[in-house]
PDB file of all heavy atoms in Angstrom:
ATOM      1  N   ALA A   1       0.859  -1.177   0.000  1.00  0.00           N
ATOM      2  CA  ALA A   1       0.000   0.000   0.000  1.00  0.00           C
ATOM      3  C   ALA A   1       0.892   1.222   0.000  1.00  0.00           C
ATOM      4  O   ALA A   1       2.016   1.185   0.504  1.00  0.00           O
ATOM      5  CB  ALA A   1      -0.902   0.003   1.232  1.00  0.00           C
ATOM      6  N   PRO A   2       0.464   2.321  -0.561  1.00  0.00           N
ATOM      7  CA  PRO A   2       1.299   3.517  -0.605  1.00  0.00           C
ATOM      8  C   PRO A   2       1.498   4.130   0.763  1.00  0.00           C
ATOM      9  O   PRO A   2       0.596   4.118   1.598  1.00  0.00           O
ATOM     10  CB  PRO A   2       0.488   4.468  -1.512  1.00  0.00           C
ATOM     11  CG  PRO A   2      -0.932   4.009  -1.343  1.00  0.00           C
ATOM     12  CD  PRO A   2      -0.853   2.517  -1.196  1.00  0.00           C
ATOM     13  N   LEU A   3       2.696   4.611   1.023  1.00  0.00           N
ATOM     14  CA  LEU A   3       3.009   5.255   2.295  1.00  0.00           C
ATOM     15  C   LEU A   3       2.339   6.620   2.379  1.00  0.00           C
ATOM     16  O   LEU A   3       2.396   7.408   1.452  1.00  0.00           O
ATOM     17  CB  LEU A   3       4.521   5.431   2.438  1.00  0.00           C
ATOM     18  CG  LEU A   3       4.980   6.203   3.678  1.00  0.00           C
ATOM     19  CD1 LEU A   3       4.639   5.405   4.939  1.00  0.00           C
ATOM     20  CD2 LEU A   3       6.466   6.478   3.615  1.00  0.00           C
ATOM     21  N   LEU A   4       1.685   6.861   3.483  1.00  0.00           N
ATOM     22  CA  LEU A   4       1.090   8.169   3.729  1.00  0.00           C
ATOM     23  C   LEU A   4       2.010   8.960   4.630  1.00  0.00           C
ATOM     24  O   LEU A   4       2.455   8.473   5.654  1.00  0.00           O
ATOM     25  CB  LEU A   4      -0.286   8.004   4.394  1.00  0.00           C
ATOM     26  CG  LEU A   4      -1.325   7.204   3.609  1.00  0.00           C
ATOM     27  CD1 LEU A   4      -2.612   7.110   4.398  1.00  0.00           C
ATOM     28  CD2 LEU A   4      -1.577   7.848   2.262  1.00  0.00           C
ATOM     29  N   GLN A   5       2.324  10.181   4.265  1.00  0.00           N
ATOM     30  CA  GLN A   5       3.220  11.015   5.044  1.00  0.00           C
ATOM     31  C   GLN A   5       2.396  11.936   5.942  1.00  0.00           C
ATOM     32  O   GLN A   5       1.394  12.505   5.513  1.00  0.00           O
ATOM     33  CB  GLN A   5       4.095  11.855   4.098  1.00  0.00           C
ATOM     34  CG  GLN A   5       5.013  11.027   3.214  1.00  0.00           C
ATOM     35  CD  GLN A   5       6.117  10.356   3.990  1.00  0.00           C
ATOM     36  OE1 GLN A   5       6.519  10.825   5.043  1.00  0.00           O
ATOM     37  NE2 GLN A   5       6.632   9.259   3.471  1.00  0.00           N
ATOM     38  N   THR A   6       2.825  12.097   7.164  1.00  0.00           N
ATOM     39  CA  THR A   6       2.246  13.012   8.147  1.00  0.00           C
ATOM     40  C   THR A   6       0.860  12.570   8.599  1.00  0.00           C
ATOM     41  O   THR A   6       0.618  12.401   9.785  1.00  0.00           O
ATOM     42  CB  THR A   6       2.187  14.462   7.615  1.00  0.00           C
ATOM     43  OG1 THR A   6       3.506  14.865   7.241  1.00  0.00           O
ATOM     44  CG2 THR A   6       1.681  15.399   8.702  1.00  0.00           C
ATOM     45  N   VAL A   7      -0.071  12.379   7.654  1.00  0.00           N
ATOM     46  CA  VAL A   7      -1.399  11.897   8.025  1.00  0.00           C
ATOM     47  C   VAL A   7      -1.290  10.421   8.372  1.00  0.00           C
ATOM     48  O   VAL A   7      -0.832   9.614   7.561  1.00  0.00           O
ATOM     49  CB  VAL A   7      -2.397  12.094   6.871  1.00  0.00           C
ATOM     50  CG1 VAL A   7      -3.768  11.543   7.255  1.00  0.00           C
ATOM     51  CG2 VAL A   7      -2.486  13.576   6.510  1.00  0.00           C
ATOM     52  N   ILE A   8      -1.720  10.048   9.562  1.00  0.00           N
ATOM     53  CA  ILE A   8      -1.508   8.680  10.023  1.00  0.00           C
ATOM     54  C   ILE A   8      -2.450   7.713   9.330  1.00  0.00           C
ATOM     55  O   ILE A   8      -3.600   8.042   9.035  1.00  0.00           O
ATOM     56  CB  ILE A   8      -1.677   8.611  11.557  1.00  0.00           C
ATOM     57  CG1 ILE A   8      -1.093   7.309  12.108  1.00  0.00           C
ATOM     58  CG2 ILE A   8      -3.142   8.783  11.964  1.00  0.00           C
ATOM     59  CD1 ILE A   8      -0.883   7.340  13.593  1.00  0.00           C
ATOM     60  N   VAL A   9      -1.962   6.520   9.023  1.00  0.00           N
ATOM     61  CA  VAL A   9      -2.776   5.544   8.318  1.00  0.00           C
ATOM     62  C   VAL A   9      -3.802   4.930   9.265  1.00  0.00           C
ATOM     63  O   VAL A   9      -3.603   4.859  10.480  1.00  0.00           O
ATOM     64  CB  VAL A   9      -1.914   4.427   7.689  1.00  0.00           C
ATOM     65  CG1 VAL A   9      -0.920   4.994   6.707  1.00  0.00           C
ATOM     66  CG2 VAL A   9      -1.218   3.605   8.768  1.00  0.00           C
ATOM     67  N   THR A  10      -4.904   4.477   8.695  1.00  0.00           N
ATOM     68  CA  THR A  10      -5.956   3.801   9.443  1.00  0.00           C
ATOM     69  C   THR A  10      -6.424   2.604   8.628  1.00  0.00           C
ATOM     70  O   THR A  10      -6.040   2.414   7.477  1.00  0.00           O
ATOM     71  CB  THR A  10      -7.150   4.734   9.709  1.00  0.00           C
ATOM     72  OG1 THR A  10      -7.679   5.182   8.442  1.00  0.00           O
ATOM     73  CG2 THR A  10      -6.737   5.947  10.535  1.00  0.00           C
ATOM     74  N   GLY A  11      -7.269   1.793   9.228  1.00  0.00           N
ATOM     75  CA  GLY A  11      -7.864   0.670   8.512  1.00  0.00           C
ATOM     76  C   GLY A  11      -6.915  -0.492   8.332  1.00  0.00           C
ATOM     77  O   GLY A  11      -5.850  -0.567   8.949  1.00  0.00           O
ATOM     78  N   MET A  12      -7.300  -1.420   7.454  1.00  0.00           N
ATOM     79  CA  MET A  12      -6.522  -2.640   7.242  1.00  0.00           C
ATOM     80  C   MET A  12      -5.219  -2.346   6.509  1.00  0.00           C
ATOM     81  O   MET A  12      -5.207  -1.681   5.483  1.00  0.00           O
ATOM     82  CB  MET A  12      -7.346  -3.632   6.420  1.00  0.00           C
ATOM     83  CG  MET A  12      -6.779  -5.030   6.397  1.00  0.00           C
ATOM     84  SD  MET A  12      -6.937  -5.861   8.002  1.00  0.00           S
ATOM     85  CE  MET A  12      -8.706  -6.127   8.070  1.00  0.00           C
ATOM     86  N   GLN A  13      -4.103  -2.838   7.060  1.00  0.00           N
ATOM     87  CA  GLN A  13      -2.774  -2.627   6.469  1.00  0.00           C
ATOM     88  C   GLN A  13      -1.992  -3.932   6.517  1.00  0.00           C
ATOM     89  O   GLN A  13      -2.173  -4.742   7.424  1.00  0.00           O
ATOM     90  CB  GLN A  13      -2.010  -1.532   7.210  1.00  0.00           C
ATOM     91  CG  GLN A  13      -2.679  -0.168   7.195  1.00  0.00           C
ATOM     92  CD  GLN A  13      -2.744   0.449   5.810  1.00  0.00           C
ATOM     93  OE1 GLN A  13      -1.937   0.104   4.944  1.00  0.00           O
ATOM     94  NE2 GLN A  13      -3.692   1.354   5.596  1.00  0.00           N
ATOM     95  N   PRO A  14      -1.084  -4.156   5.547  1.00  0.00           N
ATOM     96  CA  PRO A  14      -0.388  -5.444   5.457  1.00  0.00           C
ATOM     97  C   PRO A  14       0.816  -5.588   6.385  1.00  0.00           C
ATOM     98  O   PRO A  14       1.238  -6.692   6.685  1.00  0.00           O
ATOM     99  CB  PRO A  14       0.064  -5.490   4.001  1.00  0.00           C
ATOM    100  CG  PRO A  14       0.274  -4.050   3.647  1.00  0.00           C
ATOM    101  CD  PRO A  14      -0.792  -3.297   4.390  1.00  0.00           C
ATOM    102  N   GLY A  15       1.414  -4.468   6.807  1.00  0.00           N
ATOM    103  CA  GLY A  15       2.666  -4.559   7.544  1.00  0.00           C
ATOM    104  C   GLY A  15       3.811  -4.937   6.621  1.00  0.00           C
ATOM    105  O   GLY A  15       3.602  -5.221   5.433  1.00  0.00           O
ATOM    106  N   PRO A  16       5.024  -4.941   7.121  1.00  0.00           N
ATOM    107  CA  PRO A  16       6.189  -5.278   6.284  1.00  0.00           C
ATOM    108  C   PRO A  16       6.261  -6.769   5.993  1.00  0.00           C
ATOM    109  O   PRO A  16       5.581  -7.570   6.617  1.00  0.00           O
ATOM    110  CB  PRO A  16       7.374  -4.826   7.140  1.00  0.00           C
ATOM    111  CG  PRO A  16       6.873  -4.988   8.536  1.00  0.00           C
ATOM    112  CD  PRO A  16       5.421  -4.626   8.494  1.00  0.00           C
ATOM    113  N   GLY A  17       7.107  -7.117   5.040  1.00  0.00           N
ATOM    114  CA  GLY A  17       7.293  -8.517   4.704  1.00  0.00           C
ATOM    115  C   GLY A  17       8.158  -9.242   5.711  1.00  0.00           C
ATOM    116  O   GLY A  17       8.714  -8.652   6.639  1.00  0.00           O
ATOM    117  N   LEU A  18       8.280 -10.532   5.523  1.00  0.00           N
ATOM    118  CA  LEU A  18       9.072 -11.368   6.422  1.00  0.00           C
ATOM    119  C   LEU A  18      10.514 -11.477   5.946  1.00  0.00           C
ATOM    120  O   LEU A  18      10.790 -11.551   4.757  1.00  0.00           O
ATOM    121  CB  LEU A  18       8.481 -12.776   6.499  1.00  0.00           C
ATOM    122  CG  LEU A  18       7.071 -12.894   7.076  1.00  0.00           C
ATOM    123  CD1 LEU A  18       6.610 -14.333   7.009  1.00  0.00           C
ATOM    124  CD2 LEU A  18       7.021 -12.371   8.498  1.00  0.00           C
ATOM    125  N   TRP A  19      11.423 -11.495   6.899  1.00  0.00           N
ATOM    126  CA  TRP A  19      12.826 -11.803   6.618  1.00  0.00           C
ATOM    127  C   TRP A  19      12.981 -13.321   6.606  1.00  0.00           C
ATOM    128  O   TRP A  19      12.334 -14.039   7.395  1.00  0.00           O
ATOM    129  CB  TRP A  19      13.737 -11.194   7.677  1.00  0.00           C
ATOM    130  CG  TRP A  19      14.198  -9.807   7.372  1.00  0.00           C
ATOM    131  CD1 TRP A  19      15.438  -9.414   6.979  1.00  0.00           C
ATOM    132  CD2 TRP A  19      13.412  -8.601   7.432  1.00  0.00           C
ATOM    133  NE1 TRP A  19      15.480  -8.056   6.789  1.00  0.00           N
ATOM    134  CE2 TRP A  19      14.258  -7.534   7.053  1.00  0.00           C
ATOM    135  CE3 TRP A  19      12.085  -8.329   7.750  1.00  0.00           C
ATOM    136  CZ2 TRP A  19      13.817  -6.213   7.007  1.00  0.00           C
ATOM    137  CZ3 TRP A  19      11.626  -7.020   7.694  1.00  0.00           C
ATOM    138  CH2 TRP A  19      12.498  -5.980   7.318  1.00  0.00           C
ATOM    139  N   LYS A  20      13.846 -13.799   5.731  1.00  0.00           N
ATOM    140  CA  LYS A  20      14.081 -15.236   5.615  1.00  0.00           C
ATOM    141  C   LYS A  20      15.505 -15.565   6.054  1.00  0.00           C
ATOM    142  O   LYS A  20      16.472 -15.011   5.542  1.00  0.00           O
ATOM    143  CB  LYS A  20      13.880 -15.697   4.165  1.00  0.00           C
ATOM    144  CG  LYS A  20      14.067 -17.195   3.954  1.00  0.00           C
ATOM    145  CD  LYS A  20      13.870 -17.557   2.486  1.00  0.00           C
ATOM    146  CE  LYS A  20      14.058 -19.057   2.247  1.00  0.00           C
ATOM    147  NZ  LYS A  20      13.892 -19.407   0.812  1.00  0.00           N
ATOM    148  N   VAL A  21      15.616 -16.461   7.034  1.00  0.00           N
ATOM    149  CA  VAL A  21      16.908 -16.965   7.493  1.00  0.00           C
ATOM    150  C   VAL A  21      16.956 -18.448   7.133  1.00  0.00           C
ATOM    151  O   VAL A  21      16.011 -19.188   7.415  1.00  0.00           O
ATOM    152  CB  VAL A  21      17.079 -16.792   9.011  1.00  0.00           C
ATOM    153  CG1 VAL A  21      18.439 -17.323   9.467  1.00  0.00           C
ATOM    154  CG2 VAL A  21      16.903 -15.333   9.408  1.00  0.00           C
ATOM    155  N   SER A  22      18.028 -18.877   6.486  1.00  0.00           N
ATOM    156  CA  SER A  22      18.065 -20.272   6.044  1.00  0.00           C
ATOM    157  C   SER A  22      19.468 -20.855   6.160  1.00  0.00           C
ATOM    158  O   SER A  22      20.475 -20.146   6.139  1.00  0.00           O
ATOM    159  CB  SER A  22      17.574 -20.386   4.592  1.00  0.00           C
ATOM    160  OG  SER A  22      18.371 -19.587   3.728  1.00  0.00           O
ATOM    161  N   LYS A  23      19.475 -22.155   6.305  1.00  0.00           N
ATOM    162  CA  LYS A  23      20.715 -22.935   6.238  1.00  0.00           C
ATOM    163  C   LYS A  23      20.323 -24.314   5.744  1.00  0.00           C
ATOM    164  O   LYS A  23      19.590 -25.043   6.432  1.00  0.00           O
ATOM    165  CB  LYS A  23      21.419 -23.016   7.587  1.00  0.00           C
ATOM    166  CG  LYS A  23      22.678 -23.894   7.535  1.00  0.00           C
ATOM    167  CD  LYS A  23      23.445 -23.888   8.852  1.00  0.00           C
ATOM    168  CE  LYS A  23      24.328 -22.654   8.970  1.00  0.00           C
ATOM    169  NZ  LYS A  23      25.283 -22.775  10.121  1.00  0.00           N
ATOM    170  N   GLY A  24      20.772 -24.658   4.548  1.00  0.00           N
ATOM    171  CA  GLY A  24      20.352 -25.923   3.957  1.00  0.00           C
ATOM    172  C   GLY A  24      18.854 -25.908   3.696  1.00  0.00           C
ATOM    173  O   GLY A  24      18.313 -24.962   3.124  1.00  0.00           O
ATOM    174  N   ASP A  25      18.165 -26.956   4.170  1.00  0.00           N
ATOM    175  CA  ASP A  25      16.724 -27.064   3.977  1.00  0.00           C
ATOM    176  C   ASP A  25      15.929 -26.489   5.148  1.00  0.00           C
ATOM    177  O   ASP A  25      14.706 -26.630   5.188  1.00  0.00           O
ATOM    178  CB  ASP A  25      16.325 -28.539   3.786  1.00  0.00           C
ATOM    179  CG  ASP A  25      16.919 -29.130   2.517  1.00  0.00           C
ATOM    180  OD1 ASP A  25      17.120 -28.363   1.550  1.00  0.00           O
ATOM    181  OD2 ASP A  25      17.192 -30.348   2.493  1.00  0.00           O
ATOM    182  N   HIS A  26      16.604 -25.864   6.079  1.00  0.00           N
ATOM    183  CA  HIS A  26      15.928 -25.334   7.272  1.00  0.00           C
ATOM    184  C   HIS A  26      15.737 -23.824   7.135  1.00  0.00           C
ATOM    185  O   HIS A  26      16.667 -23.085   6.798  1.00  0.00           O
ATOM    186  CB  HIS A  26      16.740 -25.655   8.525  1.00  0.00           C
ATOM    187  CG  HIS A  26      16.839 -27.137   8.785  1.00  0.00           C
ATOM    188  ND1 HIS A  26      16.140 -27.758   9.788  1.00  0.00           N
ATOM    189  CD2 HIS A  26      17.544 -28.117   8.154  1.00  0.00           C
ATOM    190  CE1 HIS A  26      16.400 -29.061   9.773  1.00  0.00           C
ATOM    191  NE2 HIS A  26      17.264 -29.297   8.782  1.00  0.00           N
ATOM    192  N   VAL A  27      14.511 -23.382   7.394  1.00  0.00           N
ATOM    193  CA  VAL A  27      14.141 -21.986   7.173  1.00  0.00           C
ATOM    194  C   VAL A  27      13.516 -21.401   8.438  1.00  0.00           C
ATOM    195  O   VAL A  27      12.781 -22.098   9.158  1.00  0.00           O
ATOM    196  CB  VAL A  27      13.139 -21.866   6.002  1.00  0.00           C
ATOM    197  CG1 VAL A  27      12.615 -20.433   5.879  1.00  0.00           C
ATOM    198  CG2 VAL A  27      13.784 -22.293   4.697  1.00  0.00           C
ATOM    199  N   MET A  28      13.816 -20.140   8.698  1.00  0.00           N
ATOM    200  CA  MET A  28      13.130 -19.395   9.747  1.00  0.00           C
ATOM    201  C   MET A  28      12.612 -18.089   9.146  1.00  0.00           C
ATOM    202  O   MET A  28      13.379 -17.309   8.580  1.00  0.00           O
ATOM    203  CB  MET A  28      14.063 -19.081  10.929  1.00  0.00           C
ATOM    204  CG  MET A  28      13.386 -18.264  12.030  1.00  0.00           C
ATOM    205  SD  MET A  28      14.398 -18.120  13.540  1.00  0.00           S
ATOM    206  CE  MET A  28      15.791 -17.158  12.907  1.00  0.00           C
ATOM    207  N   TRP A  29      11.298 -17.855   9.233  1.00  0.00           N
ATOM    208  CA  TRP A  29      10.694 -16.602   8.816  1.00  0.00           C
ATOM    209  C   TRP A  29      10.618 -15.691  10.024  1.00  0.00           C
ATOM    210  O   TRP A  29      10.195 -16.112  11.103  1.00  0.00           O
ATOM    211  CB  TRP A  29       9.298 -16.828   8.251  1.00  0.00           C
ATOM    212  CG  TRP A  29       9.290 -17.627   6.985  1.00  0.00           C
ATOM    213  CD1 TRP A  29       8.895 -18.930   6.828  1.00  0.00           C
ATOM    214  CD2 TRP A  29       9.705 -17.174   5.694  1.00  0.00           C
ATOM    215  NE1 TRP A  29       9.043 -19.321   5.514  1.00  0.00           N
ATOM    216  CE2 TRP A  29       9.535 -18.260   4.794  1.00  0.00           C
ATOM    217  CE3 TRP A  29      10.201 -15.965   5.202  1.00  0.00           C
ATOM    218  CZ2 TRP A  29       9.834 -18.169   3.446  1.00  0.00           C
ATOM    219  CZ3 TRP A  29      10.505 -15.872   3.858  1.00  0.00           C
ATOM    220  CH2 TRP A  29      10.323 -16.960   2.990  1.00  0.00           C
ATOM    221  N   VAL A  30      11.034 -14.436   9.854  1.00  0.00           N
ATOM    222  CA  VAL A  30      11.131 -13.510  10.989  1.00  0.00           C
ATOM    223  C   VAL A  30      10.255 -12.288  10.734  1.00  0.00           C
ATOM    224  O   VAL A  30      10.380 -11.617   9.702  1.00  0.00           O
ATOM    225  CB  VAL A  30      12.580 -13.066  11.237  1.00  0.00           C
ATOM    226  CG1 VAL A  30      12.663 -12.201  12.497  1.00  0.00           C
ATOM    227  CG2 VAL A  30      13.493 -14.286  11.375  1.00  0.00           C
ATOM    228  N   LEU A  31       9.407 -12.004  11.677  1.00  0.00           N
ATOM    229  CA  LEU A  31       8.509 -10.854  11.628  1.00  0.00           C
ATOM    230  C   LEU A  31       9.082  -9.728  12.487  1.00  0.00           C
ATOM    231  O   LEU A  31       9.364  -9.925  13.661  1.00  0.00           O
ATOM    232  CB  LEU A  31       7.135 -11.260  12.155  1.00  0.00           C
ATOM    233  CG  LEU A  31       6.078 -10.171  12.309  1.00  0.00           C
ATOM    234  CD1 LEU A  31       5.703  -9.573  10.974  1.00  0.00           C
ATOM    235  CD2 LEU A  31       4.852 -10.740  13.011  1.00  0.00           C
ATOM    236  N   GLY A  32       9.273  -8.560  11.909  1.00  0.00           N
ATOM    237  CA  GLY A  32       9.810  -7.426  12.650  1.00  0.00           C
ATOM    238  C   GLY A  32       8.702  -6.591  13.262  1.00  0.00           C
ATOM    239  O   GLY A  32       7.749  -6.208  12.579  1.00  0.00           O
ATOM    240  N   THR A  33       8.814  -6.300  14.538  1.00  0.00           N
ATOM    241  CA  THR A  33       7.817  -5.472  15.219  1.00  0.00           C
ATOM    242  C   THR A  33       8.376  -4.078  15.444  1.00  0.00           C
ATOM    243  O   THR A  33       9.589  -3.867  15.457  1.00  0.00           O
ATOM    244  CB  THR A  33       7.400  -6.089  16.557  1.00  0.00           C
ATOM    245  OG1 THR A  33       8.555  -6.208  17.405  1.00  0.00           O
ATOM    246  CG2 THR A  33       6.775  -7.452  16.354  1.00  0.00           C
ATOM    247  N   LEU A  34       7.470  -3.137  15.636  1.00  0.00           N
ATOM    248  CA  LEU A  34       7.862  -1.744  15.789  1.00  0.00           C
ATOM    249  C   LEU A  34       6.923  -1.063  16.766  1.00  0.00           C
ATOM    250  O   LEU A  34       5.742  -1.425  16.866  1.00  0.00           O
ATOM    251  CB  LEU A  34       7.800  -1.032  14.434  1.00  0.00           C
ATOM    252  CG  LEU A  34       8.377   0.393  14.362  1.00  0.00           C
ATOM    253  CD1 LEU A  34       9.894   0.355  14.492  1.00  0.00           C
ATOM    254  CD2 LEU A  34       7.986   1.057  13.044  1.00  0.00           C
ATOM    255  N   SER A  35       7.437  -0.085  17.473  1.00  0.00           N
ATOM    256  CA  SER A  35       6.605   0.716  18.363  1.00  0.00           C
ATOM    257  C   SER A  35       7.106   2.151  18.330  1.00  0.00           C
ATOM    258  O   SER A  35       8.314   2.374  18.310  1.00  0.00           O
ATOM    259  CB  SER A  35       6.693   0.162  19.793  1.00  0.00           C
ATOM    260  OG  SER A  35       5.919   0.944  20.674  1.00  0.00           O
ATOM    261  N   PRO A  36       6.189   3.133  18.257  1.00  0.00           N
ATOM    262  CA  PRO A  36       4.737   2.981  18.242  1.00  0.00           C
ATOM    263  C   PRO A  36       4.209   2.693  16.851  1.00  0.00           C
ATOM    264  O   PRO A  36       4.916   2.811  15.857  1.00  0.00           O
ATOM    265  CB  PRO A  36       4.262   4.351  18.729  1.00  0.00           C
ATOM    266  CG  PRO A  36       5.307   5.301  18.210  1.00  0.00           C
ATOM    267  CD  PRO A  36       6.608   4.558  18.335  1.00  0.00           C
ATOM    268  N   LEU A  37       2.910   2.327  16.814  1.00  0.00           N
ATOM    269  CA  LEU A  37       2.200   2.091  15.568  1.00  0.00           C
ATOM    270  C   LEU A  37       0.909   2.912  15.552  1.00  0.00           C
ATOM    271  O   LEU A  37       0.461   3.386  16.601  1.00  0.00           O
ATOM    272  CB  LEU A  37       1.864   0.600  15.435  1.00  0.00           C
ATOM    273  CG  LEU A  37       3.034  -0.350  15.161  1.00  0.00           C
ATOM    274  CD1 LEU A  37       2.551  -1.793  15.161  1.00  0.00           C
ATOM    275  CD2 LEU A  37       3.733  -0.018  13.850  1.00  0.00           C
ATOM    276  N   PRO A  38       0.292   3.094  14.389  1.00  0.00           N
ATOM    277  CA  PRO A  38      -0.962   3.843  14.328  1.00  0.00           C
ATOM    278  C   PRO A  38      -2.056   3.187  15.180  1.00  0.00           C
ATOM    279  O   PRO A  38      -2.270   1.972  15.091  1.00  0.00           O
ATOM    280  CB  PRO A  38      -1.321   3.808  12.840  1.00  0.00           C
ATOM    281  CG  PRO A  38      -0.017   3.610  12.137  1.00  0.00           C
ATOM    282  CD  PRO A  38       0.767   2.709  13.038  1.00  0.00           C
ATOM    283  N   ARG A  39      -2.734   3.983  15.969  1.00  0.00           N
ATOM    284  CA  ARG A  39      -3.728   3.446  16.902  1.00  0.00           C
ATOM    285  C   ARG A  39      -4.884   2.764  16.172  1.00  0.00           C
ATOM    286  O   ARG A  39      -5.404   1.743  16.636  1.00  0.00           O
ATOM    287  CB  ARG A  39      -4.263   4.569  17.791  1.00  0.00           C
ATOM    288  CG  ARG A  39      -5.287   4.103  18.823  1.00  0.00           C
ATOM    289  CD  ARG A  39      -5.730   5.243  19.718  1.00  0.00           C
ATOM    290  NE  ARG A  39      -4.603   5.827  20.417  1.00  0.00           N
ATOM    291  CZ  ARG A  39      -4.063   5.314  21.535  1.00  0.00           C
ATOM    292  NH1 ARG A  39      -4.551   4.199  22.045  1.00  0.00           N
ATOM    293  NH2 ARG A  39      -3.034   5.908  22.114  1.00  0.00           N
ATOM    294  N   HIS A  40      -5.312   3.327  15.048  1.00  0.00           N
ATOM    295  CA  HIS A  40      -6.503   2.813  14.367  1.00  0.00           C
ATOM    296  C   HIS A  40      -6.166   1.986  13.140  1.00  0.00           C
ATOM    297  O   HIS A  40      -7.015   1.759  12.283  1.00  0.00           O
ATOM    298  CB  HIS A  40      -7.419   3.983  13.992  1.00  0.00           C
ATOM    299  CG  HIS A  40      -7.869   4.778  15.178  1.00  0.00           C
ATOM    300  ND1 HIS A  40      -8.674   4.250  16.172  1.00  0.00           N
ATOM    301  CD2 HIS A  40      -7.587   6.060  15.557  1.00  0.00           C
ATOM    302  CE1 HIS A  40      -8.894   5.171  17.096  1.00  0.00           C
ATOM    303  NE2 HIS A  40      -8.234   6.273  16.750  1.00  0.00           N
ATOM    304  N   MET A  41      -4.919   1.525  13.059  1.00  0.00           N
ATOM    305  CA  MET A  41      -4.522   0.621  11.999  1.00  0.00           C
ATOM    306  C   MET A  41      -4.878  -0.810  12.395  1.00  0.00           C
ATOM    307  O   MET A  41      -4.673  -1.218  13.531  1.00  0.00           O
ATOM    308  CB  MET A  41      -3.010   0.754  11.753  1.00  0.00           C
ATOM    309  CG  MET A  41      -2.459  -0.167  10.673  1.00  0.00           C
ATOM    310  SD  MET A  41      -1.912  -1.787  11.296  1.00  0.00           S
ATOM    311  CE  MET A  41      -0.617  -1.337  12.448  1.00  0.00           C
ATOM    312  N   GLN A  42      -5.425  -1.579  11.458  1.00  0.00           N
ATOM    313  CA  GLN A  42      -5.689  -2.987  11.681  1.00  0.00           C
ATOM    314  C   GLN A  42      -4.708  -3.787  10.837  1.00  0.00           C
ATOM    315  O   GLN A  42      -4.672  -3.648   9.615  1.00  0.00           O
ATOM    316  CB  GLN A  42      -7.130  -3.343  11.301  1.00  0.00           C
ATOM    317  CG  GLN A  42      -8.175  -2.703  12.198  1.00  0.00           C
ATOM    318  CD  GLN A  42      -9.578  -3.059  11.743  1.00  0.00           C
ATOM    319  OE1 GLN A  42      -9.919  -2.947  10.563  1.00  0.00           O
ATOM    320  NE2 GLN A  42     -10.391  -3.488  12.682  1.00  0.00           N
ATOM    321  N   TRP A  43      -3.935  -4.614  11.489  1.00  0.00           N
ATOM    322  CA  TRP A  43      -2.899  -5.355  10.780  1.00  0.00           C
ATOM    323  C   TRP A  43      -3.497  -6.571  10.077  1.00  0.00           C
ATOM    324  O   TRP A  43      -4.213  -7.364  10.700  1.00  0.00           O
ATOM    325  CB  TRP A  43      -1.824  -5.774  11.770  1.00  0.00           C
ATOM    326  CG  TRP A  43      -0.770  -6.660  11.213  1.00  0.00           C
ATOM    327  CD1 TRP A  43      -0.025  -6.446  10.099  1.00  0.00           C
ATOM    328  CD2 TRP A  43      -0.354  -7.919  11.739  1.00  0.00           C
ATOM    329  NE1 TRP A  43       0.844  -7.488   9.894  1.00  0.00           N
ATOM    330  CE2 TRP A  43       0.661  -8.409  10.893  1.00  0.00           C
ATOM    331  CE3 TRP A  43      -0.737  -8.675  12.846  1.00  0.00           C
ATOM    332  CZ2 TRP A  43       1.299  -9.617  11.124  1.00  0.00           C
ATOM    333  CZ3 TRP A  43      -0.092  -9.878  13.076  1.00  0.00           C
ATOM    334  CH2 TRP A  43       0.909 -10.342  12.219  1.00  0.00           C
TER     335      TRP A  43
END
């Protein structure tokens, strides 16, 4: 979704993508969290 500047986003939002950590056939997907976030954003 397009980034909104200054005006805070609301409603349903996707959040960032996952980081992938791997070694051989073993994978770990990592979700990055952040604070603060928009109060009326639904992830």
